[in-house]
Full PDB file with SEQRES, HELIX, SHEET, SSBOND, CRYST1, ORIGX, SCALE, CONECT and MASTER records, all heavy atoms in Angstrom:
SEQRES   1 A   41  ALA GLY ASP TYR ALA PHE PRO VAL ASN ASP ALA ILE VAL          
SEQRES   2 A   41  GLU HIS PRO ALA ILE ASN TRP ILE GLY CYS CYS ASN GLU          
SEQRES   3 A   41  LEU ASN ALA ALA CYS ALA ALA ASP GLY TYR ALA ARG MET          
SEQRES   4 A   41  ARG GLY                                                      
HELIX    1 AA1 ASP A    3  ALA A    5  5                                   3    
HELIX    2 AA2 PHE A    6  GLU A   14  1                                   9    
HELIX    3 AA3 GLU A   26  ARG A   40  1                                  15    
CRYST1    1.000    1.000    1.000  90.00  90.00  90.00 P 1           1          
ORIGX1      1.000000  0.000000  0.000000        0.00000                         
ORIGX2      0.000000  1.000000  0.000000        0.00000                         
ORIGX3      0.000000  0.000000  1.000000        0.00000                         
SCALE1      1.000000  0.000000  0.000000        0.00000                         
SCALE2      0.000000  1.000000  0.000000        0.00000                         
SCALE3      0.000000  0.000000  1.000000        0.00000                         
ATOM      1  N   ALA A   1      -2.704  -2.209   7.374  1.00  0.00           N  
ATOM      2  CA  ALA A   1      -3.473  -3.455   7.339  1.00  0.00           C  
ATOM      3  C   ALA A   1      -4.716  -3.356   8.209  1.00  0.00           C  
ATOM      4  O   ALA A   1      -4.785  -2.570   9.161  1.00  0.00           O  
ATOM      5  CB  ALA A   1      -2.599  -4.612   7.795  1.00  0.00           C  
ATOM      6  N   GLY A   2      -5.715  -4.156   7.878  1.00  0.00           N  
ATOM      7  CA  GLY A   2      -6.942  -4.236   8.666  1.00  0.00           C  
ATOM      8  C   GLY A   2      -7.634  -5.546   8.385  1.00  0.00           C  
ATOM      9  O   GLY A   2      -7.477  -6.123   7.296  1.00  0.00           O  
ATOM     10  N   ASP A   3      -8.422  -6.047   9.343  1.00  0.00           N  
ATOM     11  CA  ASP A   3      -8.940  -7.407   9.194  1.00  0.00           C  
ATOM     12  C   ASP A   3      -9.811  -7.591   7.957  1.00  0.00           C  
ATOM     13  O   ASP A   3      -9.725  -8.607   7.280  1.00  0.00           O  
ATOM     14  CB  ASP A   3      -9.662  -7.864  10.458  1.00  0.00           C  
ATOM     15  CG  ASP A   3     -10.760  -6.921  10.919  1.00  0.00           C  
ATOM     16  OD1 ASP A   3     -10.941  -5.852  10.301  1.00  0.00           O  
ATOM     17  OD2 ASP A   3     -11.431  -7.244  11.920  1.00  0.00           O  
ATOM     18  N   TYR A   4     -10.651  -6.628   7.623  1.00  0.00           N  
ATOM     19  CA  TYR A   4     -11.477  -6.785   6.421  1.00  0.00           C  
ATOM     20  C   TYR A   4     -10.617  -6.789   5.154  1.00  0.00           C  
ATOM     21  O   TYR A   4     -11.028  -7.294   4.116  1.00  0.00           O  
ATOM     22  CB  TYR A   4     -12.513  -5.662   6.324  1.00  0.00           C  
ATOM     23  CG  TYR A   4     -13.570  -5.701   7.402  1.00  0.00           C  
ATOM     24  CD1 TYR A   4     -13.952  -4.544   8.061  1.00  0.00           C  
ATOM     25  CD2 TYR A   4     -14.198  -6.893   7.755  1.00  0.00           C  
ATOM     26  CE1 TYR A   4     -14.926  -4.554   9.049  1.00  0.00           C  
ATOM     27  CE2 TYR A   4     -15.170  -6.934   8.747  1.00  0.00           C  
ATOM     28  CZ  TYR A   4     -15.531  -5.756   9.393  1.00  0.00           C  
ATOM     29  OH  TYR A   4     -16.499  -5.785  10.380  1.00  0.00           O  
ATOM     30  N   ALA A   5      -9.443  -6.191   5.237  1.00  0.00           N  
ATOM     31  CA  ALA A   5      -8.562  -6.097   4.070  1.00  0.00           C  
ATOM     32  C   ALA A   5      -7.483  -7.179   4.061  1.00  0.00           C  
ATOM     33  O   ALA A   5      -6.650  -7.187   3.141  1.00  0.00           O  
ATOM     34  CB  ALA A   5      -7.901  -4.716   4.032  1.00  0.00           C  
ATOM     35  N   PHE A   6      -7.488  -8.101   5.026  1.00  0.00           N  
ATOM     36  CA  PHE A   6      -6.416  -9.093   5.090  1.00  0.00           C  
ATOM     37  C   PHE A   6      -6.236  -9.881   3.786  1.00  0.00           C  
ATOM     38  O   PHE A   6      -5.103 -10.109   3.350  1.00  0.00           O  
ATOM     39  CB  PHE A   6      -6.635 -10.057   6.248  1.00  0.00           C  
ATOM     40  CG  PHE A   6      -6.219  -9.516   7.597  1.00  0.00           C  
ATOM     41  CD1 PHE A   6      -6.645 -10.130   8.768  1.00  0.00           C  
ATOM     42  CD2 PHE A   6      -5.405  -8.396   7.693  1.00  0.00           C  
ATOM     43  CE1 PHE A   6      -6.275  -9.633  10.014  1.00  0.00           C  
ATOM     44  CE2 PHE A   6      -5.035  -7.893   8.930  1.00  0.00           C  
ATOM     45  CZ  PHE A   6      -5.475  -8.516  10.092  1.00  0.00           C  
ATOM     46  N   PRO A   7      -7.300 -10.342   3.123  1.00  0.00           N  
ATOM     47  CA  PRO A   7      -7.075 -11.068   1.862  1.00  0.00           C  
ATOM     48  C   PRO A   7      -6.388 -10.201   0.804  1.00  0.00           C  
ATOM     49  O   PRO A   7      -5.571 -10.705   0.027  1.00  0.00           O  
ATOM     50  CB  PRO A   7      -8.491 -11.464   1.426  1.00  0.00           C  
ATOM     51  CG  PRO A   7      -9.270 -11.513   2.701  1.00  0.00           C  
ATOM     52  CD  PRO A   7      -8.717 -10.387   3.523  1.00  0.00           C  
ATOM     53  N   VAL A   8      -6.703  -8.917   0.786  1.00  0.00           N  
ATOM     54  CA  VAL A   8      -6.044  -8.003  -0.147  1.00  0.00           C  
ATOM     55  C   VAL A   8      -4.600  -7.766   0.301  1.00  0.00           C  
ATOM     56  O   VAL A   8      -3.665  -7.814  -0.507  1.00  0.00           O  
ATOM     57  CB  VAL A   8      -6.812  -6.672  -0.239  1.00  0.00           C  
ATOM     58  CG1 VAL A   8      -6.100  -5.692  -1.161  1.00  0.00           C  
ATOM     59  CG2 VAL A   8      -8.242  -6.920  -0.721  1.00  0.00           C  
ATOM     60  N   ASN A   9      -4.412  -7.530   1.604  1.00  0.00           N  
ATOM     61  CA  ASN A   9      -3.055  -7.341   2.133  1.00  0.00           C  
ATOM     62  C   ASN A   9      -2.177  -8.558   1.831  1.00  0.00           C  
ATOM     63  O   ASN A   9      -1.023  -8.411   1.402  1.00  0.00           O  
ATOM     64  CB  ASN A   9      -3.093  -7.129   3.643  1.00  0.00           C  
ATOM     65  CG  ASN A   9      -3.923  -5.943   4.101  1.00  0.00           C  
ATOM     66  OD1 ASN A   9      -4.449  -5.940   5.210  1.00  0.00           O  
ATOM     67  ND2 ASN A   9      -4.063  -4.940   3.251  1.00  0.00           N  
ATOM     68  N   ASP A  10      -2.730  -9.769   2.058  1.00  0.00           N  
ATOM     69  CA  ASP A  10      -1.962 -11.000   1.814  1.00  0.00           C  
ATOM     70  C   ASP A  10      -1.529 -11.082   0.355  1.00  0.00           C  
ATOM     71  O   ASP A  10      -0.378 -11.426   0.050  1.00  0.00           O  
ATOM     72  CB  ASP A  10      -2.798 -12.230   2.165  1.00  0.00           C  
ATOM     73  CG  ASP A  10      -3.071 -12.360   3.653  1.00  0.00           C  
ATOM     74  OD1 ASP A  10      -2.379 -11.684   4.446  1.00  0.00           O  
ATOM     75  OD2 ASP A  10      -3.988 -13.115   4.031  1.00  0.00           O  
ATOM     76  N   ALA A  11      -2.443 -10.772  -0.540  1.00  0.00           N  
ATOM     77  CA  ALA A  11      -2.144 -10.880  -1.968  1.00  0.00           C  
ATOM     78  C   ALA A  11      -1.069  -9.883  -2.390  1.00  0.00           C  
ATOM     79  O   ALA A  11      -0.228 -10.191  -3.243  1.00  0.00           O  
ATOM     80  CB  ALA A  11      -3.416 -10.673  -2.787  1.00  0.00           C  
ATOM     81  N   ILE A  12      -1.096  -8.690  -1.791  1.00  0.00           N  
ATOM     82  CA  ILE A  12      -0.069  -7.691  -2.117  1.00  0.00           C  
ATOM     83  C   ILE A  12       1.293  -8.179  -1.666  1.00  0.00           C  
ATOM     84  O   ILE A  12       2.288  -8.120  -2.405  1.00  0.00           O  
ATOM     85  CB  ILE A  12      -0.415  -6.337  -1.476  1.00  0.00           C  
ATOM     86  CG1 ILE A  12      -1.703  -5.760  -2.072  1.00  0.00           C  
ATOM     87  CG2 ILE A  12       0.738  -5.350  -1.654  1.00  0.00           C  
ATOM     88  CD1 ILE A  12      -2.237  -4.543  -1.340  1.00  0.00           C  
ATOM     89  N   VAL A  13       1.359  -8.691  -0.434  1.00  0.00           N  
ATOM     90  CA  VAL A  13       2.636  -9.171   0.103  1.00  0.00           C  
ATOM     91  C   VAL A  13       3.176 -10.331  -0.728  1.00  0.00           C  
ATOM     92  O   VAL A  13       4.394 -10.451  -0.939  1.00  0.00           O  
ATOM     93  CB  VAL A  13       2.455  -9.584   1.580  1.00  0.00           C  
ATOM     94  CG1 VAL A  13       3.706 -10.293   2.092  1.00  0.00           C  
ATOM     95  CG2 VAL A  13       2.156  -8.364   2.443  1.00  0.00           C  
ATOM     96  N   GLU A  14       2.293 -11.178  -1.227  1.00  0.00           N  
ATOM     97  CA  GLU A  14       2.708 -12.366  -1.980  1.00  0.00           C  
ATOM     98  C   GLU A  14       2.967 -12.075  -3.456  1.00  0.00           C  
ATOM     99  O   GLU A  14       3.503 -12.926  -4.170  1.00  0.00           O  
ATOM    100  CB  GLU A  14       1.632 -13.455  -1.849  1.00  0.00           C  
ATOM    101  CG  GLU A  14       1.494 -13.987  -0.425  1.00  0.00           C  
ATOM    102  CD  GLU A  14       0.203 -14.776  -0.221  1.00  0.00           C  
ATOM    103  OE1 GLU A  14      -0.546 -14.967  -1.214  1.00  0.00           O  
ATOM    104  OE2 GLU A  14      -0.058 -15.188   0.922  1.00  0.00           O  
ATOM    105  N   HIS A  15       2.612 -10.888  -3.923  1.00  0.00           N  
ATOM    106  CA  HIS A  15       2.738 -10.594  -5.350  1.00  0.00           C  
ATOM    107  C   HIS A  15       4.214 -10.436  -5.730  1.00  0.00           C  
ATOM    108  O   HIS A  15       4.963  -9.727  -5.054  1.00  0.00           O  
ATOM    109  CB  HIS A  15       1.974  -9.318  -5.710  1.00  0.00           C  
ATOM    110  CG  HIS A  15       1.740  -9.152  -7.180  1.00  0.00           C  
ATOM    111  ND1 HIS A  15       2.705  -8.689  -8.037  1.00  0.00           N  
ATOM    112  CD2 HIS A  15       0.644  -9.408  -7.941  1.00  0.00           C  
ATOM    113  CE1 HIS A  15       2.208  -8.657  -9.271  1.00  0.00           C  
ATOM    114  NE2 HIS A  15       0.958  -9.074  -9.241  1.00  0.00           N  
ATOM    115  N   PRO A  16       4.661 -11.048  -6.802  1.00  0.00           N  
ATOM    116  CA  PRO A  16       6.092 -11.004  -7.135  1.00  0.00           C  
ATOM    117  C   PRO A  16       6.576  -9.648  -7.636  1.00  0.00           C  
ATOM    118  O   PRO A  16       7.790  -9.384  -7.595  1.00  0.00           O  
ATOM    119  CB  PRO A  16       6.219 -12.064  -8.241  1.00  0.00           C  
ATOM    120  CG  PRO A  16       4.847 -12.155  -8.847  1.00  0.00           C  
ATOM    121  CD  PRO A  16       3.895 -11.930  -7.711  1.00  0.00           C  
ATOM    122  N   ALA A  17       5.671  -8.790  -8.119  1.00  0.00           N  
ATOM    123  CA  ALA A  17       6.108  -7.527  -8.724  1.00  0.00           C  
ATOM    124  C   ALA A  17       5.639  -6.296  -7.961  1.00  0.00           C  
ATOM    125  O   ALA A  17       5.875  -5.171  -8.407  1.00  0.00           O  
ATOM    126  CB  ALA A  17       5.611  -7.453 -10.173  1.00  0.00           C  
ATOM    127  N   ILE A  18       4.975  -6.493  -6.826  1.00  0.00           N  
ATOM    128  CA  ILE A  18       4.455  -5.363  -6.051  1.00  0.00           C  
ATOM    129  C   ILE A  18       4.930  -5.491  -4.609  1.00  0.00           C  
ATOM    130  O   ILE A  18       4.876  -6.576  -4.016  1.00  0.00           O  
ATOM    131  CB  ILE A  18       2.912  -5.302  -6.095  1.00  0.00           C  
ATOM    132  CG1 ILE A  18       2.428  -5.029  -7.526  1.00  0.00           C  
ATOM    133  CG2 ILE A  18       2.381  -4.221  -5.155  1.00  0.00           C  
ATOM    134  CD1 ILE A  18       0.917  -5.001  -7.674  1.00  0.00           C  
ATOM    135  N   ASN A  19       5.383  -4.388  -4.040  1.00  0.00           N  
ATOM    136  CA  ASN A  19       5.813  -4.359  -2.642  1.00  0.00           C  
ATOM    137  C   ASN A  19       4.737  -3.736  -1.765  1.00  0.00           C  
ATOM    138  O   ASN A  19       4.104  -2.748  -2.147  1.00  0.00           O  
ATOM    139  CB  ASN A  19       7.092  -3.515  -2.502  1.00  0.00           C  
ATOM    140  CG  ASN A  19       8.235  -4.065  -3.317  1.00  0.00           C  
ATOM    141  OD1 ASN A  19       8.534  -5.258  -3.242  1.00  0.00           O  
ATOM    142  ND2 ASN A  19       8.871  -3.214  -4.099  1.00  0.00           N  
ATOM    143  N   TRP A  20       4.540  -4.307  -0.586  1.00  0.00           N  
ATOM    144  CA  TRP A  20       3.690  -3.688   0.426  1.00  0.00           C  
ATOM    145  C   TRP A  20       4.529  -2.667   1.198  1.00  0.00           C  
ATOM    146  O   TRP A  20       5.605  -2.982   1.686  1.00  0.00           O  
ATOM    147  CB  TRP A  20       3.148  -4.739   1.387  1.00  0.00           C  
ATOM    148  CG  TRP A  20       2.489  -4.149   2.614  1.00  0.00           C  
ATOM    149  CD1 TRP A  20       3.046  -3.979   3.848  1.00  0.00           C  
ATOM    150  CD2 TRP A  20       1.159  -3.639   2.704  1.00  0.00           C  
ATOM    151  NE1 TRP A  20       2.145  -3.393   4.701  1.00  0.00           N  
ATOM    152  CE2 TRP A  20       0.970  -3.165   4.034  1.00  0.00           C  
ATOM    153  CE3 TRP A  20       0.100  -3.527   1.810  1.00  0.00           C  
ATOM    154  CZ2 TRP A  20      -0.222  -2.600   4.474  1.00  0.00           C  
ATOM    155  CZ3 TRP A  20      -1.098  -2.977   2.242  1.00  0.00           C  
ATOM    156  CH2 TRP A  20      -1.255  -2.515   3.565  1.00  0.00           C  
ATOM    157  N   ILE A  21       4.054  -1.423   1.269  1.00  0.00           N  
ATOM    158  CA  ILE A  21       4.752  -0.365   1.986  1.00  0.00           C  
ATOM    159  C   ILE A  21       3.855   0.096   3.131  1.00  0.00           C  
ATOM    160  O   ILE A  21       2.922   0.883   2.933  1.00  0.00           O  
ATOM    161  CB  ILE A  21       5.093   0.834   1.067  1.00  0.00           C  
ATOM    162  CG1 ILE A  21       5.820   0.361  -0.199  1.00  0.00           C  
ATOM    163  CG2 ILE A  21       5.901   1.870   1.834  1.00  0.00           C  
ATOM    164  CD1 ILE A  21       7.216  -0.138   0.042  1.00  0.00           C  
ATOM    165  N   GLY A  22       4.110  -0.425   4.326  1.00  0.00           N  
ATOM    166  CA  GLY A  22       3.299  -0.054   5.480  1.00  0.00           C  
ATOM    167  C   GLY A  22       3.572   1.364   5.937  1.00  0.00           C  
ATOM    168  O   GLY A  22       4.722   1.828   5.928  1.00  0.00           O  
ATOM    169  N   CYS A  23       2.526   2.080   6.316  1.00  0.00           N  
ATOM    170  CA  CYS A  23       2.641   3.458   6.791  1.00  0.00           C  
ATOM    171  C   CYS A  23       2.076   3.577   8.200  1.00  0.00           C  
ATOM    172  O   CYS A  23       1.473   2.635   8.728  1.00  0.00           O  
ATOM    173  CB  CYS A  23       1.912   4.407   5.844  1.00  0.00           C  
ATOM    174  SG  CYS A  23       2.664   4.496   4.193  1.00  0.00           S  
ATOM    175  N   CYS A  24       2.259   4.740   8.805  1.00  0.00           N  
ATOM    176  CA  CYS A  24       1.861   4.932  10.200  1.00  0.00           C  
ATOM    177  C   CYS A  24       0.361   5.106  10.356  1.00  0.00           C  
ATOM    178  O   CYS A  24      -0.205   4.793  11.402  1.00  0.00           O  
ATOM    179  CB  CYS A  24       2.591   6.139  10.793  1.00  0.00           C  
ATOM    180  SG  CYS A  24       4.378   5.916  10.891  1.00  0.00           S  
ATOM    181  N   ASN A  25      -0.307   5.669   9.369  1.00  0.00           N  
ATOM    182  CA  ASN A  25      -1.764   5.790   9.384  1.00  0.00           C  
ATOM    183  C   ASN A  25      -2.243   5.933   7.951  1.00  0.00           C  
ATOM    184  O   ASN A  25      -1.451   6.120   7.020  1.00  0.00           O  
ATOM    185  CB  ASN A  25      -2.236   6.955  10.270  1.00  0.00           C  
ATOM    186  CG  ASN A  25      -1.688   8.292   9.818  1.00  0.00           C  
ATOM    187  OD1 ASN A  25      -1.836   8.683   8.665  1.00  0.00           O  
ATOM    188  ND2 ASN A  25      -1.038   9.008  10.737  1.00  0.00           N  
ATOM    189  N   GLU A  26      -3.540   5.838   7.775  1.00  0.00           N  
ATOM    190  CA  GLU A  26      -4.093   5.807   6.424  1.00  0.00           C  
ATOM    191  C   GLU A  26      -3.992   7.149   5.713  1.00  0.00           C  
ATOM    192  O   GLU A  26      -3.826   7.194   4.484  1.00  0.00           O  
ATOM    193  CB  GLU A  26      -5.557   5.342   6.474  1.00  0.00           C  
ATOM    194  CG  GLU A  26      -5.749   3.896   6.881  1.00  0.00           C  
ATOM    195  CD  GLU A  26      -5.834   3.679   8.387  1.00  0.00           C  
ATOM    196  OE1 GLU A  26      -5.641   4.662   9.140  1.00  0.00           O  
ATOM    197  OE2 GLU A  26      -6.103   2.532   8.820  1.00  0.00           O  
ATOM    198  N   LEU A  27      -4.106   8.241   6.448  1.00  0.00           N  
ATOM    199  CA  LEU A  27      -3.934   9.552   5.818  1.00  0.00           C  
ATOM    200  C   LEU A  27      -2.533   9.653   5.218  1.00  0.00           C  
ATOM    201  O   LEU A  27      -2.360  10.053   4.059  1.00  0.00           O  
ATOM    202  CB  LEU A  27      -4.152  10.663   6.840  1.00  0.00           C  
ATOM    203  CG  LEU A  27      -3.842  12.085   6.347  1.00  0.00           C  
ATOM    204  CD1 LEU A  27      -4.803  12.498   5.244  1.00  0.00           C  
ATOM    205  CD2 LEU A  27      -3.893  13.075   7.515  1.00  0.00           C  
ATOM    206  N   ASN A  28      -1.530   9.279   5.991  1.00  0.00           N  
ATOM    207  CA  ASN A  28      -0.156   9.314   5.503  1.00  0.00           C  
ATOM    208  C   ASN A  28       0.040   8.375   4.317  1.00  0.00           C  
ATOM    209  O   ASN A  28       0.758   8.695   3.363  1.00  0.00           O  
ATOM    210  CB  ASN A  28       0.812   8.943   6.615  1.00  0.00           C  
ATOM    211  CG  ASN A  28       0.901  10.002   7.703  1.00  0.00           C  
ATOM    212  OD1 ASN A  28       0.232  11.016   7.644  1.00  0.00           O  
ATOM    213  ND2 ASN A  28       1.723   9.749   8.699  1.00  0.00           N  
ATOM    214  N   ALA A  29      -0.590   7.201   4.387  1.00  0.00           N  
ATOM    215  CA  ALA A  29      -0.443   6.231   3.300  1.00  0.00           C  
ATOM    216  C   ALA A  29      -0.987   6.788   1.992  1.00  0.00           C  
ATOM    217  O   ALA A  29      -0.377   6.626   0.926  1.00  0.00           O  
ATOM    218  CB  ALA A  29      -1.157   4.929   3.657  1.00  0.00           C  
ATOM    219  N   ALA A  30      -2.125   7.458   2.060  1.00  0.00           N  
ATOM    220  CA  ALA A  30      -2.718   8.020   0.844  1.00  0.00           C  
ATOM    221  C   ALA A  30      -1.893   9.203   0.337  1.00  0.00           C  
ATOM    222  O   ALA A  30      -1.750   9.400  -0.877  1.00  0.00           O  
ATOM    223  CB  ALA A  30      -4.162   8.439   1.104  1.00  0.00           C  
ATOM    224  N   CYS A  31      -1.331   9.997   1.242  1.00  0.00           N  
ATOM    225  CA  CYS A  31      -0.429  11.068   0.815  1.00  0.00           C  
ATOM    226  C   CYS A  31       0.828  10.491   0.174  1.00  0.00           C  
ATOM    227  O   CYS A  31       1.345  11.032  -0.810  1.00  0.00           O  
ATOM    228  CB  CYS A  31      -0.038  11.946   2.002  1.00  0.00           C  
ATOM    229  SG  CYS A  31      -1.344  13.045   2.606  1.00  0.00           S  
ATOM    230  N   ALA A  32       1.325   9.397   0.736  1.00  0.00           N  
ATOM    231  CA  ALA A  32       2.500   8.751   0.171  1.00  0.00           C  
ATOM    232  C   ALA A  32       2.206   8.226  -1.232  1.00  0.00           C  
ATOM    233  O   ALA A  32       3.040   8.347  -2.141  1.00  0.00           O  
ATOM    234  CB  ALA A  32       2.980   7.617   1.071  1.00  0.00           C  
ATOM    235  N   ALA A  33       1.015   7.655  -1.424  1.00  0.00           N  
ATOM    236  CA  ALA A  33       0.630   7.191  -2.754  1.00  0.00           C  
ATOM    237  C   ALA A  33       0.555   8.348  -3.732  1.00  0.00           C  
ATOM    238  O   ALA A  33       0.897   8.220  -4.912  1.00  0.00           O  
ATOM    239  CB  ALA A  33      -0.718   6.466  -2.679  1.00  0.00           C  
ATOM    240  N   ASP A  34       0.120   9.508  -3.251  1.00  0.00           N  
ATOM    241  CA  ASP A  34       0.083  10.716  -4.076  1.00  0.00           C  
ATOM    242  C   ASP A  34       1.495  11.121  -4.497  1.00  0.00           C  
ATOM    243  O   ASP A  34       1.767  11.386  -5.681  1.00  0.00           O  
ATOM    244  CB  ASP A  34      -0.587  11.840  -3.281  1.00  0.00           C  
ATOM    245  CG  ASP A  34      -0.685  13.154  -4.027  1.00  0.00           C  
ATOM    246  OD1 ASP A  34       0.361  13.782  -4.287  1.00  0.00           O  
ATOM    247  OD2 ASP A  34      -1.816  13.590  -4.322  1.00  0.00           O  
ATOM    248  N   GLY A  35       2.421  11.159  -3.535  1.00  0.00           N  
ATOM    249  CA  GLY A  35       3.802  11.507  -3.868  1.00  0.00           C  
ATOM    250  C   GLY A  35       4.429  10.508  -4.818  1.00  0.00           C  
ATOM    251  O   GLY A  35       5.164  10.881  -5.739  1.00  0.00           O  
ATOM    252  N   TYR A  36       4.142   9.228  -4.616  1.00  0.00           N  
ATOM    253  CA  TYR A  36       4.646   8.164  -5.493  1.00  0.00           C  
ATOM    254  C   TYR A  36       4.127   8.361  -6.913  1.00  0.00           C  
ATOM    255  O   TYR A  36       4.879   8.252  -7.895  1.00  0.00           O  
ATOM    256  CB  TYR A  36       4.183   6.826  -4.927  1.00  0.00           C  
ATOM    257  CG  TYR A  36       4.621   5.587  -5.668  1.00  0.00           C  
ATOM    258  CD1 TYR A  36       5.776   4.907  -5.301  1.00  0.00           C  
ATOM    259  CD2 TYR A  36       3.847   5.064  -6.710  1.00  0.00           C  
ATOM    260  CE1 TYR A  36       6.162   3.738  -5.950  1.00  0.00           C  
ATOM    261  CE2 TYR A  36       4.229   3.908  -7.370  1.00  0.00           C  
ATOM    262  CZ  TYR A  36       5.380   3.242  -6.990  1.00  0.00           C  
ATOM    263  OH  TYR A  36       5.756   2.091  -7.630  1.00  0.00           O  
ATOM    264  N   ALA A  37       2.830   8.674  -7.028  1.00  0.00           N  
ATOM    265  CA  ALA A  37       2.227   8.856  -8.343  1.00  0.00           C  
ATOM    266  C   ALA A  37       2.817  10.051  -9.080  1.00  0.00           C  
ATOM    267  O   ALA A  37       2.877  10.064 -10.309  1.00  0.00           O  
ATOM    268  CB  ALA A  37       0.713   9.017  -8.210  1.00  0.00           C  
ATOM    269  N   ARG A  38       3.269  11.057  -8.343  1.00  0.00           N  
ATOM    270  CA  ARG A  38       3.912  12.203  -8.990  1.00  0.00           C  
ATOM    271  C   ARG A  38       5.241  11.811  -9.627  1.00  0.00           C  
ATOM    272  O   ARG A  38       5.693  12.454 -10.571  1.00  0.00           O  
ATOM    273  CB  ARG A  38       4.123  13.325  -7.965  1.00  0.00           C  
ATOM    274  CG  ARG A  38       2.813  13.986  -7.533  1.00  0.00           C  
ATOM    275  CD  ARG A  38       3.008  14.925  -6.354  1.00  0.00           C  
ATOM    276  NE  ARG A  38       1.748  15.475  -5.897  1.00  0.00           N  
ATOM    277  CZ  ARG A  38       1.412  16.772  -5.946  1.00  0.00           C  
ATOM    278  NH1 ARG A  38       2.277  17.657  -6.423  1.00  0.00           N  
ATOM    279  NH2 ARG A  38       0.246  17.188  -5.517  1.00  0.00           N  
ATOM    280  N   MET A  39       5.846  10.757  -9.113  1.00  0.00           N  
ATOM    281  CA  MET A  39       7.085  10.253  -9.692  1.00  0.00           C  
ATOM    282  C   MET A  39       6.825   9.228 -10.793  1.00  0.00           C  
ATOM    283  O   MET A  39       7.519   9.208 -11.814  1.00  0.00           O  
ATOM    284  CB  MET A  39       7.956   9.593  -8.602  1.00  0.00           C  
ATOM    285  CG  MET A  39       8.373  10.511  -7.459  1.00  0.00           C  
ATOM    286  SD  MET A  39       9.486  11.837  -7.990  1.00  0.00           S  
ATOM    287  CE  MET A  39       8.345  13.222  -8.009  1.00  0.00           C  
ATOM    288  N   ARG A  40       5.833   8.362 -10.597  1.00  0.00           N  
ATOM    289  CA  ARG A  40       5.632   7.218 -11.481  1.00  0.00           C  
ATOM    290  C   ARG A  40       4.442   7.371 -12.434  1.00  0.00           C  
ATOM    291  O   ARG A  40       4.269   6.548 -13.327  1.00  0.00           O  
ATOM    292  CB  ARG A  40       5.420   5.961 -10.639  1.00  0.00           C  
ATOM    293  CG  ARG A  40       6.602   5.546  -9.778  1.00  0.00           C  
ATOM    294  CD  ARG A  40       7.701   4.895 -10.618  1.00  0.00           C  
ATOM    295  NE  ARG A  40       8.702   4.250  -9.776  1.00  0.00           N  
ATOM    296  CZ  ARG A  40       8.671   2.978  -9.392  1.00  0.00           C  
ATOM    297  NH1 ARG A  40       7.686   2.203  -9.780  1.00  0.00           N  
ATOM    298  NH2 ARG A  40       9.626   2.486  -8.626  1.00  0.00           N  
ATOM    299  N   GLY A  41       3.587   8.357 -12.201  1.00  0.00           N  
ATOM    300  CA  GLY A  41       2.387   8.513 -13.022  1.00  0.00           C  
ATOM    301  C   GLY A  41       1.146   7.939 -12.391  1.00  0.00           C  
ATOM    302  O   GLY A  41       0.035   8.435 -12.596  1.00  0.00           O  
TER     303      GLY A  41                                                      
MASTER        0    0    0    3    0    0    0    6  302    1    0    4          
END                                                                             
């Protein structure tokens, strides 16, 4: 999360079909999204 992204973060948390998955840093988060995409497309 980050202050400029709070409206986007809020919408993700409130979305009924999408989960927010917090990570330790942004590099890790993007790598995690890469691994997720290898499973889900």
